[in-house]
Amino acid sequence: MFTYNYRLFDRYARSIASLAVLADEDKGWRSDHYGFEVLGCRHILQFPIIKLIDYADCAESLEANPNPFALVTAAHLRTRRTKNDPRARYRAKFDLVRLL
């Protein structure tokens, strides 16, 4: 993300906003920066994050929401819930397609 951020800034000479969407299952891991230091020179990119697992309790409202990002989040949460159950995963896919 650091590379994309500075390359976009370099190319378009405009301020760039970066946002990280974290799709892992670790509720405690929330990396919100990247940086390095060489000989006292520091480069740091700090950015806001969204953790998809934080929306697990409101999956039903996500599916009813007309916002496409809500549906993508709901689909991701369903893949996590049906990880080891092929039949449930098939049903979840079918239900999500009907919502489109």
Protein backbone atom coordinates (compact mmCIF):
# COMPACT_ATOMS: atom_id res chain seq x y z
CA MET A 1 0.00 0.00 0.00
CA PHE A 2 2.92 2.30 0.73
CA THR A 3 4.20 1.87 -2.82
CA TYR A 4 0.79 2.50 -4.41
CA ASN A 5 0.29 5.56 -2.23
CA TYR A 6 3.54 7.26 -3.14
CA ARG A 7 3.38 6.28 -6.82
CA LEU A 8 -0.09 7.77 -7.18
CA PHE A 9 1.08 10.92 -5.40
CA ASP A 10 4.14 11.11 -7.65
CA ARG A 11 2.16 10.60 -10.84
CA TYR A 12 -0.82 12.87 -10.17
CA ALA A 13 0.70 15.37 -7.69
CA ARG A 14 -2.36 15.05 -5.46
CA SER A 15 -2.85 13.91 -1.90
CA ILE A 16 -3.80 10.24 -1.71
CA ALA A 17 -5.99 8.60 0.93
CA SER A 18 -5.33 4.94 1.67
CA LEU A 19 -7.70 2.59 3.51
CA ALA A 20 -6.97 -0.99 4.55
CA VAL A 21 -9.79 -3.54 4.55
CA LEU A 22 -8.66 -6.40 6.79
CA ALA A 23 -10.34 -9.72 6.04
CA ASP A 24 -8.47 -11.97 8.47
CA GLU A 25 -10.02 -13.77 11.46
CA ASP A 26 -7.76 -12.36 14.19
CA LYS A 27 -9.89 -9.81 16.07
CA GLY A 28 -6.86 -8.38 17.83
CA TRP A 29 -4.59 -7.73 14.84
CA ARG A 30 -5.17 -4.23 13.50
CA SER A 31 -2.19 -3.06 11.52
CA ASP A 32 -2.72 0.62 10.75
CA HIS A 33 0.70 1.71 9.53
CA TYR A 34 3.73 0.77 7.51
CA GLY A 35 7.14 2.27 7.77
CA PHE A 36 10.86 1.84 7.82
CA GLU A 37 13.94 3.74 8.90
CA VAL A 38 17.38 3.93 7.31
CA LEU A 39 20.19 5.99 8.81
CA GLY A 40 17.78 8.19 10.75
CA CYS A 41 15.47 8.82 7.79
CA ARG A 42 11.93 7.57 8.50
CA HIS A 43 9.16 6.81 6.05
CA ILE A 44 5.78 6.11 7.64
CA LEU A 45 2.34 5.66 6.14
CA GLN A 46 -0.47 5.58 8.68
CA PHE A 47 -3.94 4.71 7.44
CA PRO A 48 -7.45 3.95 8.68
CA ILE A 49 -8.57 0.33 8.76
CA ILE A 50 -11.83 -1.54 8.52
CA LYS A 51 -11.99 -5.04 9.96
CA LEU A 52 -14.68 -7.14 8.25
CA ILE A 53 -14.99 -9.48 11.22
CA ASP A 54 -16.28 -6.50 13.23
CA TYR A 55 -19.48 -6.70 11.17
CA ALA A 56 -20.22 -10.35 11.99
CA ASP A 57 -23.00 -9.43 14.43
CA CYS A 58 -24.92 -7.42 11.85
CA ALA A 59 -24.76 -9.80 8.88
CA GLU A 60 -28.54 -9.76 8.35
CA SER A 61 -28.69 -5.97 8.14
CA LEU A 62 -25.76 -6.02 5.69
CA GLU A 63 -27.71 -8.34 3.40
CA ALA A 64 -30.71 -6.00 3.49
CA ASN A 65 -28.58 -2.92 2.79
CA PRO A 66 -28.62 -1.66 -0.85
CA ASN A 67 -24.96 -0.59 -0.61
CA PRO A 68 -22.81 -2.98 -2.72
CA PHE A 69 -20.01 -2.87 -0.14
CA ALA A 70 -22.45 -4.17 2.47
CA LEU A 71 -23.27 -7.15 0.26
CA VAL A 72 -19.59 -7.88 -0.39
CA THR A 73 -18.98 -7.79 3.37
CA ALA A 74 -21.93 -10.13 3.97
CA ALA A 75 -20.59 -12.52 1.32
CA HIS A 76 -17.17 -12.55 2.97
CA LEU A 77 -18.69 -13.24 6.39
CA ARG A 78 -20.72 -16.11 4.96
CA THR A 79 -17.61 -17.68 3.45
CA ARG A 80 -16.02 -17.61 6.90
CA ARG A 81 -19.08 -19.21 8.53
CA THR A 82 -19.38 -21.97 5.92
CA LYS A 83 -15.67 -22.73 5.62
CA ASN A 84 -15.91 -26.49 6.22
CA ASP A 85 -19.49 -27.11 5.14
CA PRO A 86 -19.89 -27.35 1.33
CA ARG A 87 -23.68 -27.69 1.48
CA ALA A 88 -24.08 -24.63 3.67
CA ARG A 89 -21.70 -22.74 1.41
CA TYR A 90 -23.78 -23.64 -1.65
CA ARG A 91 -26.95 -22.44 0.10
CA ALA A 92 -25.20 -19.23 1.14
CA LYS A 93 -24.07 -18.56 -2.43
CA PHE A 94 -27.58 -19.20 -3.72
CA ASP A 95 -29.08 -16.82 -1.15
CA LEU A 96 -26.56 -14.10 -1.96
CA VAL A 97 -27.19 -14.37 -5.70
CA ARG A 98 -30.90 -13.92 -5.06
CA LEU A 99 -30.12 -10.66 -3.26
CA LEU A 100 -28.51 -9.26 -6.41
